[in-house]
Amino acid sequence: MDEVDVAESLKTLSARIDELSDALLGKQGSISKAFIEGKTRAEESIKEKPFTCLSGAFIGGLILGYLVSRKS
């Protein structure tokens, strides 16, 4: 490989890295937006029916505790 080939390879690699970073930053924005919307919906449902959510969390905790404490 001569210097010209190395320079072209570096330019190509740099362009691909820029494309990937732009795509990643764009997706993070949509992911964080979706997370905030989900959090808002969860908070609203908890405010509407707090005892239902509390009992669901309690039962889920019991099941998870049982599964974790079991010996194989």
C-alpha atoms as a PDB file:
ATOM      1  CA  MET A   1       0.000   0.000   0.000  1.00  0.00           C
ATOM      2  CA  ASP A   2       1.282   3.379  -0.826  1.00  0.00           C
ATOM      3  CA  GLU A   3       0.447   6.693   0.829  1.00  0.00           C
ATOM      4  CA  VAL A   4      -2.381   7.477  -1.587  1.00  0.00           C
ATOM      5  CA  ASP A   5      -4.197   4.226  -0.788  1.00  0.00           C
ATOM      6  CA  VAL A   6      -3.781   4.790   2.938  1.00  0.00           C
ATOM      7  CA  ALA A   7      -5.121   8.347   2.644  1.00  0.00           C
ATOM      8  CA  GLU A   8      -8.159   7.165   0.663  1.00  0.00           C
ATOM      9  CA  SER A   9      -8.836   4.409   3.178  1.00  0.00           C
ATOM     10  CA  LEU A  10      -8.658   6.913   6.026  1.00  0.00           C
ATOM     11  CA  LYS A  11     -11.079   9.263   4.264  1.00  0.00           C
ATOM     12  CA  THR A  12     -13.527   6.416   3.669  1.00  0.00           C
ATOM     13  CA  LEU A  13     -13.241   5.228   7.244  1.00  0.00           C
ATOM     14  CA  SER A  14     -13.705   8.746   8.580  1.00  0.00           C
ATOM     15  CA  ALA A  15     -16.829   9.238   6.451  1.00  0.00           C
ATOM     16  CA  ARG A  16     -18.317   5.964   7.695  1.00  0.00           C
ATOM     17  CA  ILE A  17     -17.614   6.893  11.309  1.00  0.00           C
ATOM     18  CA  ASP A  18     -19.329  10.249  10.786  1.00  0.00           C
ATOM     19  CA  GLU A  19     -22.383   8.521   9.270  1.00  0.00           C
ATOM     20  CA  LEU A  20     -22.606   6.089  12.168  1.00  0.00           C
ATOM     21  CA  SER A  21     -22.276   8.802  14.793  1.00  0.00           C
ATOM     22  CA  ASP A  22     -24.972  10.894  13.092  1.00  0.00           C
ATOM     23  CA  ALA A  23     -27.295   7.890  12.986  1.00  0.00           C
ATOM     24  CA  LEU A  24     -26.610   7.073  16.631  1.00  0.00           C
ATOM     25  CA  LEU A  25     -27.270  10.625  17.799  1.00  0.00           C
ATOM     26  CA  GLY A  26     -30.517  10.716  15.836  1.00  0.00           C
ATOM     27  CA  LYS A  27     -31.724   7.474  17.386  1.00  0.00           C
ATOM     28  CA  GLN A  28     -30.843   8.584  20.904  1.00  0.00           C
ATOM     29  CA  GLY A  29     -33.140  11.552  20.507  1.00  0.00           C
ATOM     30  CA  SER A  30     -36.047   9.341  19.498  1.00  0.00           C
ATOM     31  CA  ILE A  31     -35.252   6.818  22.230  1.00  0.00           C
ATOM     32  CA  SER A  32     -35.187   9.449  24.947  1.00  0.00           C
ATOM     33  CA  LYS A  33     -38.417  10.955  23.602  1.00  0.00           C
ATOM     34  CA  ALA A  34     -40.112   7.542  23.697  1.00  0.00           C
ATOM     35  CA  PHE A  35     -38.794   6.961  27.222  1.00  0.00           C
ATOM     36  CA  ILE A  36     -40.227  10.272  28.446  1.00  0.00           C
ATOM     37  CA  GLU A  37     -43.610   9.516  26.846  1.00  0.00           C
ATOM     38  CA  GLY A  38     -43.693   6.062  28.462  1.00  0.00           C
ATOM     39  CA  LYS A  39     -42.775   7.524  31.825  1.00  0.00           C
ATOM     40  CA  THR A  40     -45.561  10.092  31.539  1.00  0.00           C
ATOM     41  CA  ARG A  41     -48.126   7.405  30.663  1.00  0.00           C
ATOM     42  CA  ALA A  42     -46.970   5.248  33.587  1.00  0.00           C
ATOM     43  CA  GLU A  43     -47.249   8.157  36.017  1.00  0.00           C
ATOM     44  CA  GLU A  44     -50.774   8.931  34.783  1.00  0.00           C
ATOM     45  CA  SER A  45     -51.926   5.321  35.185  1.00  0.00           C
ATOM     46  CA  ILE A  46     -50.444   5.203  38.706  1.00  0.00           C
ATOM     47  CA  LYS A  47     -52.311   8.388  39.638  1.00  0.00           C
ATOM     48  CA  GLU A  48     -55.583   6.984  38.269  1.00  0.00           C
ATOM     49  CA  LYS A  49     -55.350   3.556  39.973  1.00  0.00           C
ATOM     50  CA  PRO A  50     -52.692   3.585  42.701  1.00  0.00           C
ATOM     51  CA  PHE A  51     -53.860   0.470  44.553  1.00  0.00           C
ATOM     52  CA  THR A  52     -53.973  -1.621  41.400  1.00  0.00           C
ATOM     53  CA  CYS A  53     -50.388  -0.672  40.564  1.00  0.00           C
ATOM     54  CA  LEU A  54     -49.290  -1.229  44.156  1.00  0.00           C
ATOM     55  CA  SER A  55     -50.833  -4.692  44.297  1.00  0.00           C
ATOM     56  CA  GLY A  56     -49.322  -5.598  40.927  1.00  0.00           C
ATOM     57  CA  ALA A  57     -45.870  -4.537  42.121  1.00  0.00           C
ATOM     58  CA  PHE A  58     -46.347  -6.495  45.352  1.00  0.00           C
ATOM     59  CA  ILE A  59     -47.382  -9.694  43.579  1.00  0.00           C
ATOM     60  CA  GLY A  60     -44.594  -9.282  41.037  1.00  0.00           C
ATOM     61  CA  GLY A  61     -42.100  -8.873  43.881  1.00  0.00           C
ATOM     62  CA  LEU A  62     -43.370 -12.020  45.595  1.00  0.00           C
ATOM     63  CA  ILE A  63     -43.049 -14.051  42.388  1.00  0.00           C
ATOM     64  CA  LEU A  64     -39.592 -12.671  41.645  1.00  0.00           C
ATOM     65  CA  GLY A  65     -38.458 -13.326  45.222  1.00  0.00           C
ATOM     66  CA  TYR A  66     -39.722 -16.899  45.036  1.00  0.00           C
ATOM     67  CA  LEU A  67     -37.941 -17.540  41.736  1.00  0.00           C
ATOM     68  CA  VAL A  68     -34.670 -16.029  42.928  1.00  0.00           C
ATOM     69  CA  SER A  69     -34.664 -17.892  46.245  1.00  0.00           C
ATOM     70  CA  ARG A  70     -35.291 -21.333  44.704  1.00  0.00           C
ATOM     71  CA  LYS A  71     -32.380 -23.694  44.590  1.00  0.00           C
ATOM     72  CA  SER A  72     -31.810 -25.613  41.385  1.00  0.00           C
END
